[in-house]
Amino acid sequence: DVKGRFTIARDNTKNILYLQMNSLK
């Protein structure tokens, strides 16, 4: 349960994991 600049999500139908990274440093 990550909060902050990064968000993780998984598409189980496609077996894909995403990492959305915002406000990168």
mmCIF file of all heavy atoms, coordinates in Angstrom:
data_MODEL
# 
_entry.id   MODEL 
# 
loop_
_atom_site.group_PDB 
_atom_site.id 
_atom_site.type_symbol 
_atom_site.label_atom_id 
_atom_site.label_alt_id 
_atom_site.label_comp_id 
_atom_site.label_asym_id 
_atom_site.label_entity_id 
_atom_site.label_seq_id 
_atom_site.pdbx_PDB_ins_code 
_atom_site.Cartn_x 
_atom_site.Cartn_y 
_atom_site.Cartn_z 
_atom_site.occupancy 
_atom_site.B_iso_or_equiv 
_atom_site.pdbx_formal_charge 
_atom_site.auth_seq_id 
_atom_site.auth_comp_id 
_atom_site.auth_asym_id 
_atom_site.auth_atom_id 
_atom_site.pdbx_PDB_model_num 
ATOM 1   N N   . ASP A 1 1  ? 0.873  -1.174  0.000   1.00 0.00 ? 1  ASP A N   1 
ATOM 2   C CA  . ASP A 1 1  ? 0.000  0.000   0.000   1.00 0.00 ? 1  ASP A CA  1 
ATOM 3   C C   . ASP A 1 1  ? 0.910  1.223   0.000   1.00 0.00 ? 1  ASP A C   1 
ATOM 4   O O   . ASP A 1 1  ? 1.121  1.861   1.027   1.00 0.00 ? 1  ASP A O   1 
ATOM 5   C CB  . ASP A 1 1  ? -0.915 -0.018  1.224   1.00 0.00 ? 1  ASP A CB  1 
ATOM 6   C CG  . ASP A 1 1  ? -1.896 1.140   1.214   1.00 0.00 ? 1  ASP A CG  1 
ATOM 7   O OD1 . ASP A 1 1  ? -2.113 1.727   0.131   1.00 0.00 ? 1  ASP A OD1 1 
ATOM 8   O OD2 . ASP A 1 1  ? -2.434 1.484   2.280   1.00 0.00 ? 1  ASP A OD2 1 
ATOM 9   N N   . VAL A 1 2  ? 1.460  1.512   -1.186  1.00 0.00 ? 2  VAL A N   1 
ATOM 10  C CA  . VAL A 1 2  ? 2.462  2.564   -1.279  1.00 0.00 ? 2  VAL A CA  1 
ATOM 11  C C   . VAL A 1 2  ? 1.794  3.895   -1.565  1.00 0.00 ? 2  VAL A C   1 
ATOM 12  O O   . VAL A 1 2  ? 0.961  4.000   -2.453  1.00 0.00 ? 2  VAL A O   1 
ATOM 13  C CB  . VAL A 1 2  ? 3.480  2.240   -2.400  1.00 0.00 ? 2  VAL A CB  1 
ATOM 14  C CG1 . VAL A 1 2  ? 4.487  3.357   -2.547  1.00 0.00 ? 2  VAL A CG1 1 
ATOM 15  C CG2 . VAL A 1 2  ? 4.173  0.924   -2.089  1.00 0.00 ? 2  VAL A CG2 1 
ATOM 16  N N   . LYS A 1 3  ? 2.161  4.873   -0.817  1.00 0.00 ? 3  LYS A N   1 
ATOM 17  C CA  . LYS A 1 3  ? 1.675  6.218   -1.075  1.00 0.00 ? 3  LYS A CA  1 
ATOM 18  C C   . LYS A 1 3  ? 2.872  7.095   -1.394  1.00 0.00 ? 3  LYS A C   1 
ATOM 19  O O   . LYS A 1 3  ? 3.973  6.847   -0.960  1.00 0.00 ? 3  LYS A O   1 
ATOM 20  C CB  . LYS A 1 3  ? 0.936  6.753   0.145   1.00 0.00 ? 3  LYS A CB  1 
ATOM 21  C CG  . LYS A 1 3  ? -0.318 5.993   0.490   1.00 0.00 ? 3  LYS A CG  1 
ATOM 22  C CD  . LYS A 1 3  ? -1.015 6.601   1.688   1.00 0.00 ? 3  LYS A CD  1 
ATOM 23  C CE  . LYS A 1 3  ? -2.331 5.899   1.953   1.00 0.00 ? 3  LYS A CE  1 
ATOM 24  N NZ  . LYS A 1 3  ? -2.147 4.479   2.279   1.00 0.00 ? 3  LYS A NZ  1 
ATOM 25  N N   . GLY A 1 4  ? 2.639  8.100   -2.161  1.00 0.00 ? 4  GLY A N   1 
ATOM 26  C CA  . GLY A 1 4  ? 3.740  8.992   -2.473  1.00 0.00 ? 4  GLY A CA  1 
ATOM 27  C C   . GLY A 1 4  ? 3.894  9.178   -3.964  1.00 0.00 ? 4  GLY A C   1 
ATOM 28  O O   . GLY A 1 4  ? 2.915  9.179   -4.703  1.00 0.00 ? 4  GLY A O   1 
ATOM 29  N N   . ARG A 1 5  ? 5.127  9.296   -4.397  1.00 0.00 ? 5  ARG A N   1 
ATOM 30  C CA  . ARG A 1 5  ? 5.397  9.641   -5.779  1.00 0.00 ? 5  ARG A CA  1 
ATOM 31  C C   . ARG A 1 5  ? 5.243  8.455   -6.730  1.00 0.00 ? 5  ARG A C   1 
ATOM 32  O O   . ARG A 1 5  ? 5.015  8.645   -7.920  1.00 0.00 ? 5  ARG A O   1 
ATOM 33  C CB  . ARG A 1 5  ? 6.811  10.211  -5.892  1.00 0.00 ? 5  ARG A CB  1 
ATOM 34  C CG  . ARG A 1 5  ? 7.014  11.478  -5.062  1.00 0.00 ? 5  ARG A CG  1 
ATOM 35  C CD  . ARG A 1 5  ? 8.433  12.023  -5.247  1.00 0.00 ? 5  ARG A CD  1 
ATOM 36  N NE  . ARG A 1 5  ? 9.438  11.121  -4.712  1.00 0.00 ? 5  ARG A NE  1 
ATOM 37  C CZ  . ARG A 1 5  ? 10.388 10.548  -5.453  1.00 0.00 ? 5  ARG A CZ  1 
ATOM 38  N NH1 . ARG A 1 5  ? 10.455 10.769  -6.751  1.00 0.00 ? 5  ARG A NH1 1 
ATOM 39  N NH2 . ARG A 1 5  ? 11.289 9.733   -4.886  1.00 0.00 ? 5  ARG A NH2 1 
ATOM 40  N N   . PHE A 1 6  ? 5.385  7.257   -6.230  1.00 0.00 ? 6  PHE A N   1 
ATOM 41  C CA  . PHE A 1 6  ? 5.351  6.060   -7.077  1.00 0.00 ? 6  PHE A CA  1 
ATOM 42  C C   . PHE A 1 6  ? 4.061  5.277   -6.835  1.00 0.00 ? 6  PHE A C   1 
ATOM 43  O O   . PHE A 1 6  ? 3.625  5.119   -5.692  1.00 0.00 ? 6  PHE A O   1 
ATOM 44  C CB  . PHE A 1 6  ? 6.551  5.156   -6.780  1.00 0.00 ? 6  PHE A CB  1 
ATOM 45  C CG  . PHE A 1 6  ? 7.881  5.736   -7.171  1.00 0.00 ? 6  PHE A CG  1 
ATOM 46  C CD1 . PHE A 1 6  ? 8.004  7.005   -7.702  1.00 0.00 ? 6  PHE A CD1 1 
ATOM 47  C CD2 . PHE A 1 6  ? 9.039  4.993   -7.009  1.00 0.00 ? 6  PHE A CD2 1 
ATOM 48  C CE1 . PHE A 1 6  ? 9.227  7.540   -8.066  1.00 0.00 ? 6  PHE A CE1 1 
ATOM 49  C CE2 . PHE A 1 6  ? 10.273 5.503   -7.363  1.00 0.00 ? 6  PHE A CE2 1 
ATOM 50  C CZ  . PHE A 1 6  ? 10.372 6.775   -7.890  1.00 0.00 ? 6  PHE A CZ  1 
ATOM 51  N N   . THR A 1 7  ? 3.504  4.756   -7.907  1.00 0.00 ? 7  THR A N   1 
ATOM 52  C CA  . THR A 1 7  ? 2.308  3.934   -7.831  1.00 0.00 ? 7  THR A CA  1 
ATOM 53  C C   . THR A 1 7  ? 2.546  2.649   -8.597  1.00 0.00 ? 7  THR A C   1 
ATOM 54  O O   . THR A 1 7  ? 3.002  2.682   -9.744  1.00 0.00 ? 7  THR A O   1 
ATOM 55  C CB  . THR A 1 7  ? 1.099  4.657   -8.426  1.00 0.00 ? 7  THR A CB  1 
ATOM 56  O OG1 . THR A 1 7  ? 0.903  5.901   -7.755  1.00 0.00 ? 7  THR A OG1 1 
ATOM 57  C CG2 . THR A 1 7  ? -0.159 3.804   -8.282  1.00 0.00 ? 7  THR A CG2 1 
ATOM 58  N N   . ILE A 1 8  ? 2.213  1.523   -7.990  1.00 0.00 ? 8  ILE A N   1 
ATOM 59  C CA  . ILE A 1 8  ? 2.372  0.231   -8.634  1.00 0.00 ? 8  ILE A CA  1 
ATOM 60  C C   . ILE A 1 8  ? 0.995  -0.319  -8.963  1.00 0.00 ? 8  ILE A C   1 
ATOM 61  O O   . ILE A 1 8  ? 0.035  -0.130  -8.215  1.00 0.00 ? 8  ILE A O   1 
ATOM 62  C CB  . ILE A 1 8  ? 3.172  -0.740  -7.735  1.00 0.00 ? 8  ILE A CB  1 
ATOM 63  C CG1 . ILE A 1 8  ? 3.649  -1.959  -8.528  1.00 0.00 ? 8  ILE A CG1 1 
ATOM 64  C CG2 . ILE A 1 8  ? 2.375  -1.149  -6.509  1.00 0.00 ? 8  ILE A CG2 1 
ATOM 65  C CD1 . ILE A 1 8  ? 4.680  -2.791  -7.776  1.00 0.00 ? 8  ILE A CD1 1 
ATOM 66  N N   . ALA A 1 9  ? 0.918  -0.988  -10.120 1.00 0.00 ? 9  ALA A N   1 
ATOM 67  C CA  . ALA A 1 9  ? -0.350 -1.593  -10.525 1.00 0.00 ? 9  ALA A CA  1 
ATOM 68  C C   . ALA A 1 9  ? -0.050 -2.837  -11.343 1.00 0.00 ? 9  ALA A C   1 
ATOM 69  O O   . ALA A 1 9  ? 0.963  -2.906  -12.043 1.00 0.00 ? 9  ALA A O   1 
ATOM 70  C CB  . ALA A 1 9  ? -1.181 -0.609  -11.332 1.00 0.00 ? 9  ALA A CB  1 
ATOM 71  N N   . ARG A 1 10 ? -0.944 -3.796  -11.264 1.00 0.00 ? 10 ARG A N   1 
ATOM 72  C CA  . ARG A 1 10 ? -0.739 -5.056  -11.980 1.00 0.00 ? 10 ARG A CA  1 
ATOM 73  C C   . ARG A 1 10 ? -1.987 -5.383  -12.783 1.00 0.00 ? 10 ARG A C   1 
ATOM 74  O O   . ARG A 1 10 ? -3.096 -5.356  -12.251 1.00 0.00 ? 10 ARG A O   1 
ATOM 75  C CB  . ARG A 1 10 ? -0.423 -6.174  -10.984 1.00 0.00 ? 10 ARG A CB  1 
ATOM 76  C CG  . ARG A 1 10 ? -0.211 -7.549  -11.587 1.00 0.00 ? 10 ARG A CG  1 
ATOM 77  C CD  . ARG A 1 10 ? 0.248  -8.509  -10.501 1.00 0.00 ? 10 ARG A CD  1 
ATOM 78  N NE  . ARG A 1 10 ? -0.191 -9.849  -10.757 1.00 0.00 ? 10 ARG A NE  1 
ATOM 79  C CZ  . ARG A 1 10 ? -0.065 -10.859 -9.892  1.00 0.00 ? 10 ARG A CZ  1 
ATOM 80  N NH1 . ARG A 1 10 ? 0.521  -10.656 -8.727  1.00 0.00 ? 10 ARG A NH1 1 
ATOM 81  N NH2 . ARG A 1 10 ? -0.500 -12.067 -10.188 1.00 0.00 ? 10 ARG A NH2 1 
ATOM 82  N N   . ASP A 1 11 ? -1.784 -5.679  -14.047 1.00 0.00 ? 11 ASP A N   1 
ATOM 83  C CA  . ASP A 1 11 ? -2.850 -6.136  -14.929 1.00 0.00 ? 11 ASP A CA  1 
ATOM 84  C C   . ASP A 1 11 ? -2.780 -7.658  -14.986 1.00 0.00 ? 11 ASP A C   1 
ATOM 85  O O   . ASP A 1 11 ? -1.932 -8.226  -15.675 1.00 0.00 ? 11 ASP A O   1 
ATOM 86  C CB  . ASP A 1 11 ? -2.666 -5.523  -16.319 1.00 0.00 ? 11 ASP A CB  1 
ATOM 87  C CG  . ASP A 1 11 ? -3.805 -5.878  -17.263 1.00 0.00 ? 11 ASP A CG  1 
ATOM 88  O OD1 . ASP A 1 11 ? -4.459 -6.921  -17.061 1.00 0.00 ? 11 ASP A OD1 1 
ATOM 89  O OD2 . ASP A 1 11 ? -4.034 -5.106  -18.215 1.00 0.00 ? 11 ASP A OD2 1 
ATOM 90  N N   . ASN A 1 12 ? -3.675 -8.298  -14.263 1.00 0.00 ? 12 ASN A N   1 
ATOM 91  C CA  . ASN A 1 12 ? -3.620 -9.758  -14.174 1.00 0.00 ? 12 ASN A CA  1 
ATOM 92  C C   . ASN A 1 12 ? -4.020 -10.452 -15.472 1.00 0.00 ? 12 ASN A C   1 
ATOM 93  O O   . ASN A 1 12 ? -3.611 -11.579 -15.730 1.00 0.00 ? 12 ASN A O   1 
ATOM 94  C CB  . ASN A 1 12 ? -4.510 -10.249 -13.042 1.00 0.00 ? 12 ASN A CB  1 
ATOM 95  C CG  . ASN A 1 12 ? -3.966 -9.860  -11.685 1.00 0.00 ? 12 ASN A CG  1 
ATOM 96  O OD1 . ASN A 1 12 ? -2.761 -9.873  -11.464 1.00 0.00 ? 12 ASN A OD1 1 
ATOM 97  N ND2 . ASN A 1 12 ? -4.845 -9.487  -10.773 1.00 0.00 ? 12 ASN A ND2 1 
ATOM 98  N N   . THR A 1 13 ? -4.799 -9.775  -16.293 1.00 0.00 ? 13 THR A N   1 
ATOM 99  C CA  . THR A 1 13 ? -5.230 -10.394 -17.549 1.00 0.00 ? 13 THR A CA  1 
ATOM 100 C C   . THR A 1 13 ? -4.094 -10.454 -18.554 1.00 0.00 ? 13 THR A C   1 
ATOM 101 O O   . THR A 1 13 ? -4.070 -11.320 -19.429 1.00 0.00 ? 13 THR A O   1 
ATOM 102 C CB  . THR A 1 13 ? -6.406 -9.627  -18.154 1.00 0.00 ? 13 THR A CB  1 
ATOM 103 O OG1 . THR A 1 13 ? -5.989 -8.303  -18.471 1.00 0.00 ? 13 THR A OG1 1 
ATOM 104 C CG2 . THR A 1 13 ? -7.569 -9.561  -17.171 1.00 0.00 ? 13 THR A CG2 1 
ATOM 105 N N   . LYS A 1 14 ? -3.154 -9.509  -18.443 1.00 0.00 ? 14 LYS A N   1 
ATOM 106 C CA  . LYS A 1 14 ? -2.042 -9.450  -19.386 1.00 0.00 ? 14 LYS A CA  1 
ATOM 107 C C   . LYS A 1 14 ? -0.712 -9.826  -18.751 1.00 0.00 ? 14 LYS A C   1 
ATOM 108 O O   . LYS A 1 14 ? 0.318  -9.848  -19.437 1.00 0.00 ? 14 LYS A O   1 
ATOM 109 C CB  . LYS A 1 14 ? -1.931 -8.043  -19.984 1.00 0.00 ? 14 LYS A CB  1 
ATOM 110 C CG  . LYS A 1 14 ? -3.163 -7.599  -20.753 1.00 0.00 ? 14 LYS A CG  1 
ATOM 111 C CD  . LYS A 1 14 ? -2.973 -6.197  -21.291 1.00 0.00 ? 14 LYS A CD  1 
ATOM 112 C CE  . LYS A 1 14 ? -4.198 -5.736  -22.054 1.00 0.00 ? 14 LYS A CE  1 
ATOM 113 N NZ  . LYS A 1 14 ? -4.055 -4.346  -22.558 1.00 0.00 ? 14 LYS A NZ  1 
ATOM 114 N N   . ASN A 1 15 ? -0.723 -10.107 -17.452 1.00 0.00 ? 15 ASN A N   1 
ATOM 115 C CA  . ASN A 1 15 ? 0.525  -10.417 -16.724 1.00 0.00 ? 15 ASN A CA  1 
ATOM 116 C C   . ASN A 1 15 ? 1.547  -9.280  -16.871 1.00 0.00 ? 15 ASN A C   1 
ATOM 117 O O   . ASN A 1 15 ? 2.717  -9.518  -17.188 1.00 0.00 ? 15 ASN A O   1 
ATOM 118 C CB  . ASN A 1 15 ? 1.127  -11.734 -17.197 1.00 0.00 ? 15 ASN A CB  1 
ATOM 119 C CG  . ASN A 1 15 ? 0.312  -12.931 -16.760 1.00 0.00 ? 15 ASN A CG  1 
ATOM 120 O OD1 . ASN A 1 15 ? -0.307 -12.920 -15.699 1.00 0.00 ? 15 ASN A OD1 1 
ATOM 121 N ND2 . ASN A 1 15 ? 0.299  -13.967 -17.582 1.00 0.00 ? 15 ASN A ND2 1 
ATOM 122 N N   . ILE A 1 16 ? 1.086  -8.068  -16.675 1.00 0.00 ? 16 ILE A N   1 
ATOM 123 C CA  . ILE A 1 16 ? 1.958  -6.909  -16.765 1.00 0.00 ? 16 ILE A CA  1 
ATOM 124 C C   . ILE A 1 16 ? 1.927  -6.146  -15.444 1.00 0.00 ? 16 ILE A C   1 
ATOM 125 O O   . ILE A 1 16 ? 0.850  -5.916  -14.882 1.00 0.00 ? 16 ILE A O   1 
ATOM 126 C CB  . ILE A 1 16 ? 1.553  -5.968  -17.902 1.00 0.00 ? 16 ILE A CB  1 
ATOM 127 C CG1 . ILE A 1 16 ? 1.661  -6.699  -19.246 1.00 0.00 ? 16 ILE A CG1 1 
ATOM 128 C CG2 . ILE A 1 16 ? 2.454  -4.729  -17.922 1.00 0.00 ? 16 ILE A CG2 1 
ATOM 129 C CD1 . ILE A 1 16 ? 1.207  -5.849  -20.431 1.00 0.00 ? 16 ILE A CD1 1 
ATOM 130 N N   . LEU A 1 17 ? 3.101  -5.751  -15.000 1.00 0.00 ? 17 LEU A N   1 
ATOM 131 C CA  . LEU A 1 17 ? 3.242  -4.927  -13.806 1.00 0.00 ? 17 LEU A CA  1 
ATOM 132 C C   . LEU A 1 17 ? 3.712  -3.552  -14.230 1.00 0.00 ? 17 LEU A C   1 
ATOM 133 O O   . LEU A 1 17 ? 4.618  -3.434  -15.058 1.00 0.00 ? 17 LEU A O   1 
ATOM 134 C CB  . LEU A 1 17 ? 4.254  -5.543  -12.847 1.00 0.00 ? 17 LEU A CB  1 
ATOM 135 C CG  . LEU A 1 17 ? 4.440  -4.843  -11.508 1.00 0.00 ? 17 LEU A CG  1 
ATOM 136 C CD1 . LEU A 1 17 ? 3.220  -5.050  -10.617 1.00 0.00 ? 17 LEU A CD1 1 
ATOM 137 C CD2 . LEU A 1 17 ? 5.698  -5.340  -10.811 1.00 0.00 ? 17 LEU A CD2 1 
ATOM 138 N N   . TYR A 1 18 ? 3.099  -2.530  -13.670 1.00 0.00 ? 18 TYR A N   1 
ATOM 139 C CA  . TYR A 1 18 ? 3.456  -1.157  -14.006 1.00 0.00 ? 18 TYR A CA  1 
ATOM 140 C C   . TYR A 1 18 ? 4.017  -0.447  -12.772 1.00 0.00 ? 18 TYR A C   1 
ATOM 141 O O   . TYR A 1 18 ? 3.666  -0.757  -11.638 1.00 0.00 ? 18 TYR A O   1 
ATOM 142 C CB  . TYR A 1 18 ? 2.238  -0.380  -14.502 1.00 0.00 ? 18 TYR A CB  1 
ATOM 143 C CG  . TYR A 1 18 ? 1.587  -0.954  -15.734 1.00 0.00 ? 18 TYR A CG  1 
ATOM 144 C CD1 . TYR A 1 18 ? 0.455  -1.765  -15.638 1.00 0.00 ? 18 TYR A CD1 1 
ATOM 145 C CD2 . TYR A 1 18 ? 2.105  -0.686  -16.999 1.00 0.00 ? 18 TYR A CD2 1 
ATOM 146 C CE1 . TYR A 1 18 ? -0.143 -2.286  -16.762 1.00 0.00 ? 18 TYR A CE1 1 
ATOM 147 C CE2 . TYR A 1 18 ? 1.508  -1.200  -18.133 1.00 0.00 ? 18 TYR A CE2 1 
ATOM 148 C CZ  . TYR A 1 18 ? 0.395  -2.001  -18.008 1.00 0.00 ? 18 TYR A CZ  1 
ATOM 149 O OH  . TYR A 1 18 ? -0.194 -2.519  -19.133 1.00 0.00 ? 18 TYR A OH  1 
ATOM 150 N N   . LEU A 1 19 ? 4.864  0.517   -13.052 1.00 0.00 ? 19 LEU A N   1 
ATOM 151 C CA  . LEU A 1 19 ? 5.334  1.423   -12.008 1.00 0.00 ? 19 LEU A CA  1 
ATOM 152 C C   . LEU A 1 19 ? 5.225  2.837   -12.560 1.00 0.00 ? 19 LEU A C   1 
ATOM 153 O O   . LEU A 1 19 ? 5.974  3.215   -13.458 1.00 0.00 ? 19 LEU A O   1 
ATOM 154 C CB  . LEU A 1 19 ? 6.771  1.119   -11.592 1.00 0.00 ? 19 LEU A CB  1 
ATOM 155 C CG  . LEU A 1 19 ? 7.310  1.990   -10.450 1.00 0.00 ? 19 LEU A CG  1 
ATOM 156 C CD1 . LEU A 1 19 ? 6.571  1.661   -9.147  1.00 0.00 ? 19 LEU A CD1 1 
ATOM 157 C CD2 . LEU A 1 19 ? 8.817  1.784   -10.266 1.00 0.00 ? 19 LEU A CD2 1 
ATOM 158 N N   . GLN A 1 20 ? 4.287  3.576   -12.035 1.00 0.00 ? 20 GLN A N   1 
ATOM 159 C CA  . GLN A 1 20 ? 4.119  4.980   -12.421 1.00 0.00 ? 20 GLN A CA  1 
ATOM 160 C C   . GLN A 1 20 ? 4.956  5.814   -11.467 1.00 0.00 ? 20 GLN A C   1 
ATOM 161 O O   . GLN A 1 20 ? 4.751  5.756   -10.243 1.00 0.00 ? 20 GLN A O   1 
ATOM 162 C CB  . GLN A 1 20 ? 2.654  5.394   -12.351 1.00 0.00 ? 20 GLN A CB  1 
ATOM 163 C CG  . GLN A 1 20 ? 2.403  6.856   -12.665 1.00 0.00 ? 20 GLN A CG  1 
ATOM 164 C CD  . GLN A 1 20 ? 2.703  7.198   -14.114 1.00 0.00 ? 20 GLN A CD  1 
ATOM 165 O OE1 . GLN A 1 20 ? 2.343  6.457   -15.025 1.00 0.00 ? 20 GLN A OE1 1 
ATOM 166 N NE2 . GLN A 1 20 ? 3.366  8.337   -14.341 1.00 0.00 ? 20 GLN A NE2 1 
ATOM 167 N N   . MET A 1 21 ? 5.885  6.565   -12.021 1.00 0.00 ? 21 MET A N   1 
ATOM 168 C CA  . MET A 1 21 ? 6.781  7.372   -11.207 1.00 0.00 ? 21 MET A CA  1 
ATOM 169 C C   . MET A 1 21 ? 6.562  8.843   -11.543 1.00 0.00 ? 21 MET A C   1 
ATOM 170 O O   . MET A 1 21 ? 6.735  9.249   -12.694 1.00 0.00 ? 21 MET A O   1 
ATOM 171 C CB  . MET A 1 21 ? 8.241  6.974   -11.477 1.00 0.00 ? 21 MET A CB  1 
ATOM 172 C CG  . MET A 1 21 ? 8.520  5.496   -11.260 1.00 0.00 ? 21 MET A CG  1 
ATOM 173 S SD  . MET A 1 21 ? 10.256 5.062   -11.416 1.00 0.00 ? 21 MET A SD  1 
ATOM 174 C CE  . MET A 1 21 ? 10.500 5.377   -13.160 1.00 0.00 ? 21 MET A CE  1 
ATOM 175 N N   . ASN A 1 22 ? 6.164  9.603   -10.558 1.00 0.00 ? 22 ASN A N   1 
ATOM 176 C CA  . ASN A 1 22 ? 5.904  11.032  -10.719 1.00 0.00 ? 22 ASN A CA  1 
ATOM 177 C C   . ASN A 1 22 ? 6.878  11.845  -9.890  1.00 0.00 ? 22 ASN A C   1 
ATOM 178 O O   . ASN A 1 22 ? 7.497  11.336  -8.951  1.00 0.00 ? 22 ASN A O   1 
ATOM 179 C CB  . ASN A 1 22 ? 4.466  11.348  -10.314 1.00 0.00 ? 22 ASN A CB  1 
ATOM 180 C CG  . ASN A 1 22 ? 3.441  10.618  -11.148 1.00 0.00 ? 22 ASN A CG  1 
ATOM 181 O OD1 . ASN A 1 22 ? 3.616  10.414  -12.355 1.00 0.00 ? 22 ASN A OD1 1 
ATOM 182 N ND2 . ASN A 1 22 ? 2.359  10.218  -10.515 1.00 0.00 ? 22 ASN A ND2 1 
ATOM 183 N N   . SER A 1 23 ? 6.993  13.109  -10.227 1.00 0.00 ? 23 SER A N   1 
ATOM 184 C CA  . SER A 1 23 ? 7.861  14.041  -9.485  1.00 0.00 ? 23 SER A CA  1 
ATOM 185 C C   . SER A 1 23 ? 9.253  13.438  -9.280  1.00 0.00 ? 23 SER A C   1 
ATOM 186 O O   . SER A 1 23 ? 9.787  13.426  -8.163  1.00 0.00 ? 23 SER A O   1 
ATOM 187 C CB  . SER A 1 23 ? 7.232  14.397  -8.133  1.00 0.00 ? 23 SER A CB  1 
ATOM 188 O OG  . SER A 1 23 ? 5.957  14.971  -8.307  1.00 0.00 ? 23 SER A OG  1 
ATOM 189 N N   . LEU A 1 24 ? 9.814  12.961  -10.349 1.00 0.00 ? 24 LEU A N   1 
ATOM 190 C CA  . LEU A 1 24 ? 11.089 12.271  -10.248 1.00 0.00 ? 24 LEU A CA  1 
ATOM 191 C C   . LEU A 1 24 ? 12.204 13.200  -9.807  1.00 0.00 ? 24 LEU A C   1 
ATOM 192 O O   . LEU A 1 24 ? 12.205 14.403  -10.128 1.00 0.00 ? 24 LEU A O   1 
ATOM 193 C CB  . LEU A 1 24 ? 11.441 11.616  -11.588 1.00 0.00 ? 24 LEU A CB  1 
ATOM 194 C CG  . LEU A 1 24 ? 10.670 10.321  -11.857 1.00 0.00 ? 24 LEU A CG  1 
ATOM 195 C CD1 . LEU A 1 24 ? 10.704 9.966   -13.335 1.00 0.00 ? 24 LEU A CD1 1 
ATOM 196 C CD2 . LEU A 1 24 ? 11.243 9.192   -11.024 1.00 0.00 ? 24 LEU A CD2 1 
ATOM 197 N N   . LYS A 1 25 ? 13.137 12.622  -9.054  1.00 0.00 ? 25 LYS A N   1 
ATOM 198 C CA  . LYS A 1 25 ? 14.277 13.357  -8.518  1.00 0.00 ? 25 LYS A CA  1 
ATOM 199 C C   . LYS A 1 25 ? 15.570 12.725  -9.042  1.00 0.00 ? 25 LYS A C   1 
ATOM 200 O O   . LYS A 1 25 ? 15.589 11.530  -9.374  1.00 0.00 ? 25 LYS A O   1 
ATOM 201 C CB  . LYS A 1 25 ? 14.261 13.298  -6.991  1.00 0.00 ? 25 LYS A CB  1 
ATOM 202 C CG  . LYS A 1 25 ? 12.980 13.812  -6.359  1.00 0.00 ? 25 LYS A CG  1 
ATOM 203 C CD  . LYS A 1 25 ? 12.999 13.613  -4.858  1.00 0.00 ? 25 LYS A CD  1 
ATOM 204 C CE  . LYS A 1 25 ? 11.700 14.099  -4.223  1.00 0.00 ? 25 LYS A CE  1 
ATOM 205 N NZ  . LYS A 1 25 ? 11.708 13.907  -2.749  1.00 0.00 ? 25 LYS A NZ  1 
# 
